[in-house]
Amino acid sequence: MSWKRKKTTKGRNTYYSLSKKLRQEKKTNNEFETILCNLSLEEVIGLKMELSSKPVNNRLYGLPVWKNLTDVVKDAILKYAYSSTRTQMEAMRFLGLTADSFQKLKKKYDPVSYFED
């Protein structure tokens, strides 16, 4: 039995972080993230919808929100998978996707360009 530490592999995803990116863009800070942790996901989505519709008198007519909801959620989950895993293979396994479906999602949502900009 060897007492040496196992070598951990680092992939491209190791350096991706949503929190770090938003802090660099000055969109968030520690205090905001602490407050956000106390809200449920449903509350965050509802609050975001309410705040974005206030400037137009709570009218989002013409925007197919319900139809595009799954795309918005898939994009968010894919970005989270990239930021929480070390490699793309880990992200694929985390999401429970096959290689083909993962490649299609990668092309559609392009999460790499989000983190590298």
Protein backbone atom coordinates (compact mmCIF):
# COMPACT_ATOMS: atom_id res chain seq x y z
CA MET A 1 0.00 0.00 0.00
CA SER A 2 1.42 3.33 -1.05
CA TRP A 3 1.17 6.41 1.15
CA LYS A 4 1.64 8.79 -1.74
CA ARG A 5 -1.17 11.13 -2.59
CA LYS A 6 -3.09 10.42 -5.72
CA LYS A 7 -2.47 12.90 -8.47
CA THR A 8 -5.59 14.90 -9.27
CA THR A 9 -6.19 15.75 -12.85
CA LYS A 10 -7.06 19.29 -13.80
CA GLY A 11 -9.11 19.95 -16.85
CA ARG A 12 -10.23 23.15 -18.53
CA ASN A 13 -13.33 23.37 -16.33
CA THR A 14 -11.21 23.56 -13.17
CA TYR A 15 -10.79 27.29 -13.58
CA TYR A 16 -14.42 28.10 -14.48
CA SER A 17 -16.51 29.68 -11.75
CA LEU A 18 -19.80 31.56 -12.08
CA SER A 19 -19.25 33.30 -8.76
CA LYS A 20 -15.73 34.40 -9.69
CA LYS A 21 -16.85 35.68 -13.10
CA LEU A 22 -19.74 37.70 -11.64
CA ARG A 23 -17.46 39.18 -8.97
CA GLN A 24 -14.93 40.26 -11.59
CA GLU A 25 -17.72 41.98 -13.52
CA LYS A 26 -18.79 43.72 -10.27
CA LYS A 27 -22.27 42.17 -10.52
CA THR A 28 -22.08 40.46 -7.12
CA ASN A 29 -20.22 40.52 -3.81
CA ASN A 30 -20.08 38.50 -0.57
CA GLU A 31 -23.04 40.30 1.01
CA PHE A 32 -25.26 39.75 -2.03
CA GLU A 33 -24.32 36.06 -2.24
CA THR A 34 -25.15 35.61 1.46
CA ILE A 35 -28.59 37.16 0.96
CA LEU A 36 -29.13 35.08 -2.19
CA CYS A 37 -28.36 31.86 -0.30
CA ASN A 38 -31.33 32.52 1.97
CA LEU A 39 -33.77 32.60 -0.97
CA SER A 40 -35.23 29.56 -2.69
CA LEU A 41 -34.76 29.08 -6.42
CA GLU A 42 -38.45 29.80 -7.01
CA GLU A 43 -38.17 33.08 -5.10
CA VAL A 44 -35.09 34.14 -7.07
CA ILE A 45 -36.76 33.42 -10.42
CA GLY A 46 -39.98 35.17 -9.39
CA LEU A 47 -38.10 38.20 -8.07
CA LYS A 48 -35.99 38.43 -11.22
CA MET A 49 -39.13 38.31 -13.38
CA GLU A 50 -40.82 40.98 -11.25
CA LEU A 51 -37.83 43.31 -11.32
CA SER A 52 -37.32 42.93 -15.06
CA SER A 53 -40.97 43.66 -15.81
CA LYS A 54 -41.30 46.76 -13.58
CA PRO A 55 -39.85 49.23 -16.13
CA VAL A 56 -42.56 48.22 -18.65
CA ASN A 57 -45.47 48.39 -16.18
CA ASN A 58 -45.46 44.62 -15.53
CA ARG A 59 -46.27 43.83 -19.15
CA LEU A 60 -44.10 41.32 -20.93
CA TYR A 61 -46.49 40.89 -23.84
CA GLY A 62 -44.98 39.34 -26.92
CA LEU A 63 -42.29 37.46 -25.00
CA PRO A 64 -42.95 33.70 -24.98
CA VAL A 65 -41.67 33.20 -21.43
CA TRP A 66 -43.31 29.81 -20.85
CA LYS A 67 -42.08 28.41 -24.16
CA ASN A 68 -38.47 29.50 -23.56
CA LEU A 69 -38.37 28.49 -19.91
CA THR A 70 -36.74 25.12 -20.53
CA ASP A 71 -33.98 26.71 -22.62
CA VAL A 72 -33.22 29.23 -19.87
CA VAL A 73 -33.04 26.49 -17.24
CA LYS A 74 -30.90 24.19 -19.42
CA ASP A 75 -28.45 27.02 -20.12
CA ALA A 76 -28.14 27.78 -16.40
CA ILE A 77 -27.65 24.12 -15.45
CA LEU A 78 -25.04 23.61 -18.17
CA LYS A 79 -23.06 26.63 -16.92
CA TYR A 80 -23.30 25.28 -13.37
CA ALA A 81 -22.09 21.86 -14.52
CA TYR A 82 -19.07 23.47 -16.17
CA SER A 83 -18.22 25.50 -13.07
CA SER A 84 -18.63 22.61 -10.62
CA THR A 85 -16.64 19.95 -12.48
CA ARG A 86 -13.02 19.70 -13.56
CA THR A 87 -13.45 18.31 -17.06
CA GLN A 88 -16.09 18.17 -19.76
CA MET A 89 -16.39 14.41 -19.29
CA GLU A 90 -17.23 14.98 -15.62
CA ALA A 91 -19.81 17.59 -16.63
CA MET A 92 -21.33 15.14 -19.10
CA ARG A 93 -21.55 12.43 -16.44
CA PHE A 94 -22.90 14.90 -13.87
CA LEU A 95 -25.76 15.80 -16.22
CA GLY A 96 -26.35 12.16 -17.16
CA LEU A 97 -25.97 12.81 -20.88
CA THR A 98 -24.54 10.79 -23.74
CA ALA A 99 -21.60 12.21 -25.66
CA ASP A 100 -23.79 13.11 -28.65
CA SER A 101 -26.43 14.96 -26.65
CA PHE A 102 -23.73 16.75 -24.64
CA GLN A 103 -22.05 17.95 -27.85
CA LYS A 104 -25.38 19.23 -29.19
CA LEU A 105 -26.05 21.15 -25.99
CA LYS A 106 -22.52 22.52 -26.04
CA LYS A 107 -23.03 23.85 -29.56
CA LYS A 108 -26.45 25.30 -28.76
CA TYR A 109 -25.60 27.11 -25.50
CA ASP A 110 -21.81 27.62 -25.91
CA PRO A 111 -20.90 27.73 -22.19
CA VAL A 112 -17.14 27.91 -22.86
CA SER A 113 -17.39 31.34 -24.47
CA TYR A 114 -19.33 32.60 -21.42
CA PHE A 115 -16.43 31.79 -19.10
CA GLU A 116 -13.61 32.82 -21.43
CA ASP A 117 -14.88 36.31 -22.26
